[in-house]
Amino acid sequence: GYTEDDLKEKFGALYNAFQFGAPPHAGMAPGVDRMIMLLTNEENIRE
């Protein structure tokens, strides 16, 4: 439901950068707090 104008307005930085060609790219981001929660055997992240 987004128009190309919506893309320009909401994500202008990416839209403009992609005009010059972009390499394929990929990534992820494991949560550090959750890793510590698991390693300390806690069931609630507040702990």
ModelCIF file with pLDDT and N, C-alpha, C, O atoms, coordinates in Angstrom:
data_MODEL
#
_entry.id   MODEL 
#
_entity.id                         1 
_entity.type                       polymer 
_entity.pdbx_number_of_molecules   1 
#
_entity_poly.entity_id                      1 
_entity_poly.type                           'polypeptide(L)' 
_entity_poly.nstd_linkage                   no 
_entity_poly.nstd_monomer                   no 
_entity_poly.pdbx_seq_one_letter_code       GYTEDDLKEKFGALYNAFQFGAPPHAGMAPGVDRMIMLLTNEENIRE 
_entity_poly.pdbx_seq_one_letter_code_can   GYTEDDLKEKFGALYNAFQFGAPPHAGMAPGVDRMIMLLTNEENIRE 
_entity_poly.pdbx_strand_id                 A 
#
loop_
_entity_poly_seq.entity_id 
_entity_poly_seq.num 
_entity_poly_seq.mon_id 
_entity_poly_seq.hetero 
1 1  GLY n 
1 2  TYR n 
1 3  THR n 
1 4  GLU n 
1 5  ASP n 
1 6  ASP n 
1 7  LEU n 
1 8  LYS n 
1 9  GLU n 
1 10 LYS n 
1 11 PHE n 
1 12 GLY n 
1 13 ALA n 
1 14 LEU n 
1 15 TYR n 
1 16 ASN n 
1 17 ALA n 
1 18 PHE n 
1 19 GLN n 
1 20 PHE n 
1 21 GLY n 
1 22 ALA n 
1 23 PRO n 
1 24 PRO n 
1 25 HIS n 
1 26 ALA n 
1 27 GLY n 
1 28 MET n 
1 29 ALA n 
1 30 PRO n 
1 31 GLY n 
1 32 VAL n 
1 33 ASP n 
1 34 ARG n 
1 35 MET n 
1 36 ILE n 
1 37 MET n 
1 38 LEU n 
1 39 LEU n 
1 40 THR n 
1 41 ASN n 
1 42 GLU n 
1 43 GLU n 
1 44 ASN n 
1 45 ILE n 
1 46 ARG n 
1 47 GLU n 
#
_struct_asym.id          A 
_struct_asym.entity_id   1 
#
loop_
_ma_qa_metric.id 
_ma_qa_metric.mode 
_ma_qa_metric.name 
_ma_qa_metric.software_group_id 
_ma_qa_metric.type 
1 global pLDDT . pLDDT 
2 local  pLDDT . pLDDT 
#
_ma_qa_metric_global.metric_id      1 
_ma_qa_metric_global.metric_value   93.45 
_ma_qa_metric_global.model_id       1 
_ma_qa_metric_global.ordinal_id     1 
#
loop_
_ma_qa_metric_local.label_asym_id 
_ma_qa_metric_local.label_comp_id 
_ma_qa_metric_local.label_seq_id 
_ma_qa_metric_local.metric_id 
_ma_qa_metric_local.metric_value 
_ma_qa_metric_local.model_id 
_ma_qa_metric_local.ordinal_id 
A GLY 1  2 94.00 1 1  
A TYR 2  2 94.00 1 2  
A THR 3  2 95.00 1 3  
A GLU 4  2 94.00 1 4  
A ASP 5  2 95.00 1 5  
A ASP 6  2 94.00 1 6  
A LEU 7  2 93.00 1 7  
A LYS 8  2 93.00 1 8  
A GLU 9  2 94.00 1 9  
A LYS 10 2 91.00 1 10 
A PHE 11 2 90.00 1 11 
A GLY 12 2 92.00 1 12 
A ALA 13 2 91.00 1 13 
A LEU 14 2 91.00 1 14 
A TYR 15 2 92.00 1 15 
A ASN 16 2 93.00 1 16 
A ALA 17 2 93.00 1 17 
A PHE 18 2 93.00 1 18 
A GLN 19 2 91.00 1 19 
A PHE 20 2 90.00 1 20 
A GLY 21 2 89.00 1 21 
A ALA 22 2 94.00 1 22 
A PRO 23 2 96.00 1 23 
A PRO 24 2 96.00 1 24 
A HIS 25 2 97.00 1 25 
A ALA 26 2 97.00 1 26 
A GLY 27 2 96.00 1 27 
A MET 28 2 95.00 1 28 
A ALA 29 2 93.00 1 29 
A PRO 30 2 95.00 1 30 
A GLY 31 2 93.00 1 31 
A VAL 32 2 95.00 1 32 
A ASP 33 2 94.00 1 33 
A ARG 34 2 94.00 1 34 
A MET 35 2 96.00 1 35 
A ILE 36 2 96.00 1 36 
A MET 37 2 95.00 1 37 
A LEU 38 2 96.00 1 38 
A LEU 39 2 97.00 1 39 
A THR 40 2 96.00 1 40 
A ASN 41 2 94.00 1 41 
A GLU 42 2 94.00 1 42 
A GLU 43 2 90.00 1 43 
A ASN 44 2 90.00 1 44 
A ILE 45 2 90.00 1 45 
A ARG 46 2 89.00 1 46 
A GLU 47 2 92.00 1 47 
#
loop_
_atom_site.group_PDB 
_atom_site.id 
_atom_site.type_symbol 
_atom_site.label_atom_id 
_atom_site.label_alt_id 
_atom_site.label_comp_id 
_atom_site.label_asym_id 
_atom_site.label_entity_id 
_atom_site.label_seq_id 
_atom_site.pdbx_PDB_ins_code 
_atom_site.Cartn_x 
_atom_site.Cartn_y 
_atom_site.Cartn_z 
_atom_site.occupancy 
_atom_site.B_iso_or_equiv 
_atom_site.pdbx_formal_charge 
_atom_site.auth_seq_id 
_atom_site.auth_comp_id 
_atom_site.auth_asym_id 
_atom_site.auth_atom_id 
_atom_site.pdbx_PDB_model_num 
ATOM 1   N N  . GLY A 1 1  ? 0.777  -1.241  0.000  1.00 94.00 ? 1  GLY A N  1 
ATOM 2   C CA . GLY A 1 1  ? 0.000  0.000   0.000  1.00 94.00 ? 1  GLY A CA 1 
ATOM 3   C C  . GLY A 1 1  ? 0.806  1.287   0.000  1.00 94.00 ? 1  GLY A C  1 
ATOM 4   O O  . GLY A 1 1  ? 0.248  2.360   0.229  1.00 94.00 ? 1  GLY A O  1 
ATOM 5   N N  . TYR A 1 2  ? 2.130  1.202   -0.256 1.00 94.00 ? 2  TYR A N  1 
ATOM 6   C CA . TYR A 1 2  ? 2.961  2.409   -0.300 1.00 94.00 ? 2  TYR A CA 1 
ATOM 7   C C  . TYR A 1 2  ? 3.257  2.787   -1.747 1.00 94.00 ? 2  TYR A C  1 
ATOM 8   O O  . TYR A 1 2  ? 3.514  1.917   -2.579 1.00 94.00 ? 2  TYR A O  1 
ATOM 9   N N  . THR A 1 3  ? 3.221  4.058   -2.039 1.00 95.00 ? 3  THR A N  1 
ATOM 10  C CA . THR A 1 3  ? 3.596  4.533   -3.370 1.00 95.00 ? 3  THR A CA 1 
ATOM 11  C C  . THR A 1 3  ? 5.101  4.802   -3.408 1.00 95.00 ? 3  THR A C  1 
ATOM 12  O O  . THR A 1 3  ? 5.766  4.803   -2.372 1.00 95.00 ? 3  THR A O  1 
ATOM 13  N N  . GLU A 1 4  ? 5.627  5.027   -4.610 1.00 94.00 ? 4  GLU A N  1 
ATOM 14  C CA . GLU A 1 4  ? 7.049  5.379   -4.720 1.00 94.00 ? 4  GLU A CA 1 
ATOM 15  C C  . GLU A 1 4  ? 7.328  6.712   -4.023 1.00 94.00 ? 4  GLU A C  1 
ATOM 16  O O  . GLU A 1 4  ? 8.404  6.908   -3.459 1.00 94.00 ? 4  GLU A O  1 
ATOM 17  N N  . ASP A 1 5  ? 6.357  7.625   -4.063 1.00 95.00 ? 5  ASP A N  1 
ATOM 18  C CA . ASP A 1 5  ? 6.516  8.900   -3.349 1.00 95.00 ? 5  ASP A CA 1 
ATOM 19  C C  . ASP A 1 5  ? 6.609  8.674   -1.839 1.00 95.00 ? 5  ASP A C  1 
ATOM 20  O O  . ASP A 1 5  ? 7.352  9.373   -1.150 1.00 95.00 ? 5  ASP A O  1 
ATOM 21  N N  . ASP A 1 6  ? 5.850  7.691   -1.323 1.00 94.00 ? 6  ASP A N  1 
ATOM 22  C CA . ASP A 1 6  ? 5.945  7.344   0.103  1.00 94.00 ? 6  ASP A CA 1 
ATOM 23  C C  . ASP A 1 6  ? 7.358  6.875   0.441  1.00 94.00 ? 6  ASP A C  1 
ATOM 24  O O  . ASP A 1 6  ? 7.919  7.248   1.471  1.00 94.00 ? 6  ASP A O  1 
ATOM 25  N N  . LEU A 1 7  ? 7.926  6.048   -0.448 1.00 93.00 ? 7  LEU A N  1 
ATOM 26  C CA . LEU A 1 7  ? 9.285  5.567   -0.244 1.00 93.00 ? 7  LEU A CA 1 
ATOM 27  C C  . LEU A 1 7  ? 10.273 6.726   -0.183 1.00 93.00 ? 7  LEU A C  1 
ATOM 28  O O  . LEU A 1 7  ? 11.138 6.776   0.691  1.00 93.00 ? 7  LEU A O  1 
ATOM 29  N N  . LYS A 1 8  ? 10.131 7.666   -1.135 1.00 93.00 ? 8  LYS A N  1 
ATOM 30  C CA . LYS A 1 8  ? 11.034 8.828   -1.165 1.00 93.00 ? 8  LYS A CA 1 
ATOM 31  C C  . LYS A 1 8  ? 10.922 9.648   0.108  1.00 93.00 ? 8  LYS A C  1 
ATOM 32  O O  . LYS A 1 8  ? 11.918 10.132  0.646  1.00 93.00 ? 8  LYS A O  1 
ATOM 33  N N  . GLU A 1 9  ? 9.683  9.795   0.581  1.00 94.00 ? 9  GLU A N  1 
ATOM 34  C CA . GLU A 1 9  ? 9.447  10.644  1.747  1.00 94.00 ? 9  GLU A CA 1 
ATOM 35  C C  . GLU A 1 9  ? 9.883  9.966   3.046  1.00 94.00 ? 9  GLU A C  1 
ATOM 36  O O  . GLU A 1 9  ? 10.557 10.584  3.870  1.00 94.00 ? 9  GLU A O  1 
ATOM 37  N N  . LYS A 1 10 ? 9.497  8.692   3.235  1.00 91.00 ? 10 LYS A N  1 
ATOM 38  C CA . LYS A 1 10 ? 9.753  8.010   4.513  1.00 91.00 ? 10 LYS A CA 1 
ATOM 39  C C  . LYS A 1 10 ? 11.154 7.412   4.596  1.00 91.00 ? 10 LYS A C  1 
ATOM 40  O O  . LYS A 1 10 ? 11.740 7.358   5.677  1.00 91.00 ? 10 LYS A O  1 
ATOM 41  N N  . PHE A 1 11 ? 11.693 6.964   3.467  1.00 90.00 ? 11 PHE A N  1 
ATOM 42  C CA . PHE A 1 11 ? 12.993 6.297   3.475  1.00 90.00 ? 11 PHE A CA 1 
ATOM 43  C C  . PHE A 1 11 ? 13.909 6.939   2.434  1.00 90.00 ? 11 PHE A C  1 
ATOM 44  O O  . PHE A 1 11 ? 14.566 6.252   1.652  1.00 90.00 ? 11 PHE A O  1 
ATOM 45  N N  . GLY A 1 12 ? 13.936 8.255   2.443  1.00 92.00 ? 12 GLY A N  1 
ATOM 46  C CA . GLY A 1 12 ? 14.652 9.008   1.419  1.00 92.00 ? 12 GLY A CA 1 
ATOM 47  C C  . GLY A 1 12 ? 16.129 8.679   1.336  1.00 92.00 ? 12 GLY A C  1 
ATOM 48  O O  . GLY A 1 12 ? 16.683 8.604   0.239  1.00 92.00 ? 12 GLY A O  1 
ATOM 49  N N  . ALA A 1 13 ? 16.776 8.482   2.470  1.00 91.00 ? 13 ALA A N  1 
ATOM 50  C CA . ALA A 1 13 ? 18.218 8.207   2.468  1.00 91.00 ? 13 ALA A CA 1 
ATOM 51  C C  . ALA A 1 13 ? 18.527 6.930   1.700  1.00 91.00 ? 13 ALA A C  1 
ATOM 52  O O  . ALA A 1 13 ? 19.433 6.906   0.867  1.00 91.00 ? 13 ALA A O  1 
ATOM 53  N N  . LEU A 1 14 ? 17.765 5.855   1.982  1.00 91.00 ? 14 LEU A N  1 
ATOM 54  C CA . LEU A 1 14 ? 17.980 4.592   1.265  1.00 91.00 ? 14 LEU A CA 1 
ATOM 55  C C  . LEU A 1 14 ? 17.593 4.724   -0.199 1.00 91.00 ? 14 LEU A C  1 
ATOM 56  O O  . LEU A 1 14 ? 18.304 4.256   -1.089 1.00 91.00 ? 14 LEU A O  1 
ATOM 57  N N  . TYR A 1 15 ? 16.461 5.365   -0.435 1.00 92.00 ? 15 TYR A N  1 
ATOM 58  C CA . TYR A 1 15 ? 15.974 5.512   -1.805 1.00 92.00 ? 15 TYR A CA 1 
ATOM 59  C C  . TYR A 1 15 ? 17.016 6.225   -2.667 1.00 92.00 ? 15 TYR A C  1 
ATOM 60  O O  . TYR A 1 15 ? 17.289 5.803   -3.790 1.00 92.00 ? 15 TYR A O  1 
ATOM 61  N N  . ASN A 1 16 ? 17.591 7.293   -2.146 1.00 93.00 ? 16 ASN A N  1 
ATOM 62  C CA . ASN A 1 16 ? 18.599 8.046   -2.906 1.00 93.00 ? 16 ASN A CA 1 
ATOM 63  C C  . ASN A 1 16 ? 19.874 7.232   -3.084 1.00 93.00 ? 16 ASN A C  1 
ATOM 64  O O  . ASN A 1 16 ? 20.460 7.227   -4.166 1.00 93.00 ? 16 ASN A O  1 
ATOM 65  N N  . ALA A 1 17 ? 20.307 6.545   -2.032 1.00 93.00 ? 17 ALA A N  1 
ATOM 66  C CA . ALA A 1 17 ? 21.543 5.761   -2.113 1.00 93.00 ? 17 ALA A CA 1 
ATOM 67  C C  . ALA A 1 17 ? 21.415 4.642   -3.137 1.00 93.00 ? 17 ALA A C  1 
ATOM 68  O O  . ALA A 1 17 ? 22.367 4.348   -3.860 1.00 93.00 ? 17 ALA A O  1 
ATOM 69  N N  . PHE A 1 18 ? 20.247 4.019   -3.202 1.00 93.00 ? 18 PHE A N  1 
ATOM 70  C CA . PHE A 1 18 ? 20.050 2.896   -4.109 1.00 93.00 ? 18 PHE A CA 1 
ATOM 71  C C  . PHE A 1 18 ? 20.074 3.313   -5.582 1.00 93.00 ? 18 PHE A C  1 
ATOM 72  O O  . PHE A 1 18 ? 20.226 2.467   -6.463 1.00 93.00 ? 18 PHE A O  1 
ATOM 73  N N  . GLN A 1 19 ? 19.923 4.612   -5.852 1.00 91.00 ? 19 GLN A N  1 
ATOM 74  C CA . GLN A 1 19 ? 19.990 5.079   -7.245 1.00 91.00 ? 19 GLN A CA 1 
ATOM 75  C C  . GLN A 1 19 ? 21.388 4.859   -7.840 1.00 91.00 ? 19 GLN A C  1 
ATOM 76  O O  . GLN A 1 19 ? 21.550 4.791   -9.058 1.00 91.00 ? 19 GLN A O  1 
ATOM 77  N N  . PHE A 1 20 ? 22.387 4.749   -6.966 1.00 90.00 ? 20 PHE A N  1 
ATOM 78  C CA . PHE A 1 20 ? 23.769 4.606   -7.430 1.00 90.00 ? 20 PHE A CA 1 
ATOM 79  C C  . PHE A 1 20 ? 24.218 3.145   -7.480 1.00 90.00 ? 20 PHE A C  1 
ATOM 80  O O  . PHE A 1 20 ? 25.374 2.853   -7.787 1.00 90.00 ? 20 PHE A O  1 
ATOM 81  N N  . GLY A 1 21 ? 23.293 2.233   -7.176 1.00 89.00 ? 21 GLY A N  1 
ATOM 82  C CA . GLY A 1 21 ? 23.636 0.815   -7.186 1.00 89.00 ? 21 GLY A CA 1 
ATOM 83  C C  . GLY A 1 21 ? 24.044 0.361   -5.799 1.00 89.00 ? 21 GLY A C  1 
ATOM 84  O O  . GLY A 1 21 ? 24.814 1.035   -5.115 1.00 89.00 ? 21 GLY A O  1 
ATOM 85  N N  . ALA A 1 22 ? 23.527 -0.782  -5.389 1.00 94.00 ? 22 ALA A N  1 
ATOM 86  C CA . ALA A 1 22 ? 23.821 -1.288  -4.044 1.00 94.00 ? 22 ALA A CA 1 
ATOM 87  C C  . ALA A 1 22 ? 24.242 -2.746  -4.133 1.00 94.00 ? 22 ALA A C  1 
ATOM 88  O O  . ALA A 1 22 ? 23.654 -3.512  -4.897 1.00 94.00 ? 22 ALA A O  1 
ATOM 89  N N  . PRO A 1 23 ? 25.260 -3.146  -3.360 1.00 96.00 ? 23 PRO A N  1 
ATOM 90  C CA . PRO A 1 23 ? 25.666 -4.554  -3.369 1.00 96.00 ? 23 PRO A CA 1 
ATOM 91  C C  . PRO A 1 23 ? 24.637 -5.402  -2.623 1.00 96.00 ? 23 PRO A C  1 
ATOM 92  O O  . PRO A 1 23 ? 23.934 -4.887  -1.754 1.00 96.00 ? 23 PRO A O  1 
ATOM 93  N N  . PRO A 1 24 ? 24.538 -6.687  -2.947 1.00 96.00 ? 24 PRO A N  1 
ATOM 94  C CA . PRO A 1 24 ? 23.737 -7.569  -2.099 1.00 96.00 ? 24 PRO A CA 1 
ATOM 95  C C  . PRO A 1 24 ? 24.319 -7.519  -0.685 1.00 96.00 ? 24 PRO A C  1 
ATOM 96  O O  . PRO A 1 24 ? 25.539 -7.533  -0.521 1.00 96.00 ? 24 PRO A O  1 
ATOM 97  N N  . HIS A 1 25 ? 23.462 -7.462  0.333  1.00 97.00 ? 25 HIS A N  1 
ATOM 98  C CA . HIS A 1 25 ? 23.973 -7.430  1.701  1.00 97.00 ? 25 HIS A CA 1 
ATOM 99  C C  . HIS A 1 25 ? 22.978 -8.091  2.643  1.00 97.00 ? 25 HIS A C  1 
ATOM 100 O O  . HIS A 1 25 ? 21.781 -8.156  2.365  1.00 97.00 ? 25 HIS A O  1 
ATOM 101 N N  . ALA A 1 26 ? 23.498 -8.580  3.763  1.00 97.00 ? 26 ALA A N  1 
ATOM 102 C CA . ALA A 1 26 ? 22.682 -9.346  4.699  1.00 97.00 ? 26 ALA A CA 1 
ATOM 103 C C  . ALA A 1 26 ? 23.295 -9.247  6.085  1.00 97.00 ? 26 ALA A C  1 
ATOM 104 O O  . ALA A 1 26 ? 24.476 -8.935  6.238  1.00 97.00 ? 26 ALA A O  1 
ATOM 105 N N  . GLY A 1 27 ? 22.472 -9.517  7.094  1.00 96.00 ? 27 GLY A N  1 
ATOM 106 C CA . GLY A 1 27 ? 22.996 -9.457  8.454  1.00 96.00 ? 27 GLY A CA 1 
ATOM 107 C C  . GLY A 1 27 ? 21.998 -9.976  9.460  1.00 96.00 ? 27 GLY A C  1 
ATOM 108 O O  . GLY A 1 27 ? 20.938 -10.494 9.108  1.00 96.00 ? 27 GLY A O  1 
ATOM 109 N N  . MET A 1 28 ? 22.360 -9.827  10.718 1.00 95.00 ? 28 MET A N  1 
ATOM 110 C CA . MET A 1 28 ? 21.464 -10.170 11.817 1.00 95.00 ? 28 MET A CA 1 
ATOM 111 C C  . MET A 1 28 ? 21.983 -9.493  13.085 1.00 95.00 ? 28 MET A C  1 
ATOM 112 O O  . MET A 1 28 ? 23.020 -8.831  13.065 1.00 95.00 ? 28 MET A O  1 
ATOM 113 N N  . ALA A 1 29 ? 21.248 -9.667  14.195 1.00 93.00 ? 29 ALA A N  1 
ATOM 114 C CA . ALA A 1 29 ? 21.618 -8.962  15.420 1.00 93.00 ? 29 ALA A CA 1 
ATOM 115 C C  . ALA A 1 29 ? 21.166 -9.745  16.653 1.00 93.00 ? 29 ALA A C  1 
ATOM 116 O O  . ALA A 1 29 ? 20.073 -9.498  17.162 1.00 93.00 ? 29 ALA A O  1 
ATOM 117 N N  . PRO A 1 30 ? 21.982 -10.684 17.145 1.00 95.00 ? 30 PRO A N  1 
ATOM 118 C CA . PRO A 1 30 ? 21.610 -11.401 18.371 1.00 95.00 ? 30 PRO A CA 1 
ATOM 119 C C  . PRO A 1 30 ? 21.498 -10.457 19.568 1.00 95.00 ? 30 PRO A C  1 
ATOM 120 O O  . PRO A 1 30 ? 22.312 -9.549  19.735 1.00 95.00 ? 30 PRO A O  1 
ATOM 121 N N  . GLY A 1 31 ? 20.484 -10.683 20.391 1.00 93.00 ? 31 GLY A N  1 
ATOM 122 C CA . GLY A 1 31 ? 20.256 -9.827  21.553 1.00 93.00 ? 31 GLY A CA 1 
ATOM 123 C C  . GLY A 1 31 ? 21.189 -10.188 22.695 1.00 93.00 ? 31 GLY A C  1 
ATOM 124 O O  . GLY A 1 31 ? 21.185 -11.323 23.172 1.00 93.00 ? 31 GLY A O  1 
ATOM 125 N N  . VAL A 1 32 ? 21.986 -9.228  23.134 1.00 95.00 ? 32 VAL A N  1 
ATOM 126 C CA . VAL A 1 32 ? 22.967 -9.475  24.189 1.00 95.00 ? 32 VAL A CA 1 
ATOM 127 C C  . VAL A 1 32 ? 22.273 -9.743  25.528 1.00 95.00 ? 32 VAL A C  1 
ATOM 128 O O  . VAL A 1 32 ? 22.671 -10.644 26.266 1.00 95.00 ? 32 VAL A O  1 
ATOM 129 N N  . ASP A 1 33 ? 21.230 -8.954  25.841 1.00 94.00 ? 33 ASP A N  1 
ATOM 130 C CA . ASP A 1 33 ? 20.512 -9.149  27.110 1.00 94.00 ? 33 ASP A CA 1 
ATOM 131 C C  . ASP A 1 33 ? 19.929 -10.565 27.190 1.00 94.00 ? 33 ASP A C  1 
ATOM 132 O O  . ASP A 1 33 ? 20.008 -11.214 28.233 1.00 94.00 ? 33 ASP A O  1 
ATOM 133 N N  . ARG A 1 34 ? 19.356 -11.028 26.104 1.00 94.00 ? 34 ARG A N  1 
ATOM 134 C CA . ARG A 1 34 ? 18.756 -12.369 26.099 1.00 94.00 ? 34 ARG A CA 1 
ATOM 135 C C  . ARG A 1 34 ? 19.820 -13.457 26.224 1.00 94.00 ? 34 ARG A C  1 
ATOM 136 O O  . ARG A 1 34 ? 19.594 -14.484 26.864 1.00 94.00 ? 34 ARG A O  1 
ATOM 137 N N  . MET A 1 35 ? 20.984 -13.224 25.606 1.00 96.00 ? 35 MET A N  1 
ATOM 138 C CA . MET A 1 35 ? 22.072 -14.192 25.740 1.00 96.00 ? 35 MET A CA 1 
ATOM 139 C C  . MET A 1 35 ? 22.474 -14.331 27.208 1.00 96.00 ? 35 MET A C  1 
ATOM 140 O O  . MET A 1 35 ? 22.678 -15.440 27.701 1.00 96.00 ? 35 MET A O  1 
ATOM 141 N N  . ILE A 1 36 ? 22.587 -13.194 27.901 1.00 96.00 ? 36 ILE A N  1 
ATOM 142 C CA . ILE A 1 36 ? 22.974 -13.224 29.318 1.00 96.00 ? 36 ILE A CA 1 
ATOM 143 C C  . ILE A 1 36 ? 21.870 -13.871 30.151 1.00 96.00 ? 36 ILE A C  1 
ATOM 144 O O  . ILE A 1 36 ? 22.149 -14.613 31.092 1.00 96.00 ? 36 ILE A O  1 
ATOM 145 N N  . MET A 1 37 ? 20.618 -13.586 29.802 1.00 95.00 ? 37 MET A N  1 
ATOM 146 C CA . MET A 1 37 ? 19.493 -14.194 30.512 1.00 95.00 ? 37 MET A CA 1 
ATOM 147 C C  . MET A 1 37 ? 19.569 -15.719 30.423 1.00 95.00 ? 37 MET A C  1 
ATOM 148 O O  . MET A 1 37 ? 19.372 -16.408 31.424 1.00 95.00 ? 37 MET A O  1 
ATOM 149 N N  . LEU A 1 38 ? 19.851 -16.246 29.236 1.00 96.00 ? 38 LEU A N  1 
ATOM 150 C CA . LEU A 1 38 ? 19.955 -17.693 29.059 1.00 96.00 ? 38 LEU A CA 1 
ATOM 151 C C  . LEU A 1 38 ? 21.169 -18.259 29.796 1.00 96.00 ? 38 LEU A C  1 
ATOM 152 O O  . LEU A 1 38 ? 21.084 -19.305 30.439 1.00 96.00 ? 38 LEU A O  1 
ATOM 153 N N  . LEU A 1 39 ? 22.297 -17.555 29.695 1.00 97.00 ? 39 LEU A N  1 
ATOM 154 C CA . LEU A 1 39 ? 23.536 -18.055 30.308 1.00 97.00 ? 39 LEU A CA 1 
ATOM 155 C C  . LEU A 1 39 ? 23.472 -18.061 31.833 1.00 97.00 ? 39 LEU A C  1 
ATOM 156 O O  . LEU A 1 39 ? 24.188 -18.824 32.481 1.00 97.00 ? 39 LEU A O  1 
ATOM 157 N N  . THR A 1 40 ? 22.620 -17.215 32.409 1.00 96.00 ? 40 THR A N  1 
ATOM 158 C CA . THR A 1 40 ? 22.471 -17.181 33.871 1.00 96.00 ? 40 THR A CA 1 
ATOM 159 C C  . THR A 1 40 ? 21.256 -17.979 34.335 1.00 96.00 ? 40 THR A C  1 
ATOM 160 O O  . THR A 1 40 ? 20.916 -17.977 35.518 1.00 96.00 ? 40 THR A O  1 
ATOM 161 N N  . ASN A 1 41 ? 20.596 -18.671 33.376 1.00 94.00 ? 41 ASN A N  1 
ATOM 162 C CA . ASN A 1 41 ? 19.427 -19.505 33.696 1.00 94.00 ? 41 ASN A CA 1 
ATOM 163 C C  . ASN A 1 41 ? 18.291 -18.715 34.351 1.00 94.00 ? 41 ASN A C  1 
ATOM 164 O O  . ASN A 1 41 ? 17.578 -19.237 35.208 1.00 94.00 ? 41 ASN A O  1 
ATOM 165 N N  . GLU A 1 42 ? 18.131 -17.467 33.944 1.00 94.00 ? 42 GLU A N  1 
ATOM 166 C CA . GLU A 1 42 ? 17.011 -16.663 34.429 1.00 94.00 ? 42 GLU A CA 1 
ATOM 167 C C  . GLU A 1 42 ? 15.861 -16.745 33.428 1.00 94.00 ? 42 GLU A C  1 
ATOM 168 O O  . GLU A 1 42 ? 16.090 -16.835 32.222 1.00 94.00 ? 42 GLU A O  1 
ATOM 169 N N  . GLU A 1 43 ? 14.633 -16.714 33.923 1.00 90.00 ? 43 GLU A N  1 
ATOM 170 C CA . GLU A 1 43 ? 13.469 -16.783 33.043 1.00 90.00 ? 43 GLU A CA 1 
ATOM 171 C C  . GLU A 1 43 ? 12.914 -15.402 32.701 1.00 90.00 ? 43 GLU A C  1 
ATOM 172 O O  . GLU A 1 43 ? 12.102 -15.263 31.787 1.00 90.00 ? 43 GLU A O  1 
ATOM 173 N N  . ASN A 1 44 ? 13.360 -14.375 33.445 1.00 90.00 ? 44 ASN A N  1 
ATOM 174 C CA . ASN A 1 44 ? 12.877 -13.012 33.184 1.00 90.00 ? 44 ASN A CA 1 
ATOM 175 C C  . ASN A 1 44 ? 14.066 -12.094 32.979 1.00 90.00 ? 44 ASN A C  1 
ATOM 176 O O  . ASN A 1 44 ? 15.006 -12.088 33.775 1.00 90.00 ? 44 ASN A O  1 
ATOM 177 N N  . ILE A 1 45 ? 14.018 -11.322 31.909 1.00 90.00 ? 45 ILE A N  1 
ATOM 178 C CA . ILE A 1 45 ? 15.151 -10.467 31.535 1.00 90.00 ? 45 ILE A CA 1 
ATOM 179 C C  . ILE A 1 45 ? 15.422 -9.377  32.570 1.00 90.00 ? 45 ILE A C  1 
ATOM 180 O O  . ILE A 1 45 ? 16.536 -8.857  32.644 1.00 90.00 ? 45 ILE A O  1 
ATOM 181 N N  . ARG A 1 46 ? 14.408 -9.027  33.374 1.00 89.00 ? 46 ARG A N  1 
ATOM 182 C CA . ARG A 1 46 ? 14.590 -8.006  34.412 1.00 89.00 ? 46 ARG A CA 1 
ATOM 183 C C  . ARG A 1 46 ? 15.640 -8.436  35.440 1.00 89.00 ? 46 ARG A C  1 
ATOM 184 O O  . ARG A 1 46 ? 16.262 -7.598  36.093 1.00 89.00 ? 46 ARG A O  1 
ATOM 185 N N  . GLU A 1 47 ? 15.828 -9.759  35.576 1.00 92.00 ? 47 GLU A N  1 
ATOM 186 C CA . GLU A 1 47 ? 16.757 -10.263 36.590 1.00 92.00 ? 47 GLU A CA 1 
ATOM 187 C C  . GLU A 1 47 ? 18.223 -10.003 36.235 1.00 92.00 ? 47 GLU A C  1 
ATOM 188 O O  . GLU A 1 47 ? 19.118 -10.372 36.995 1.00 92.00 ? 47 GLU A O  1 
#
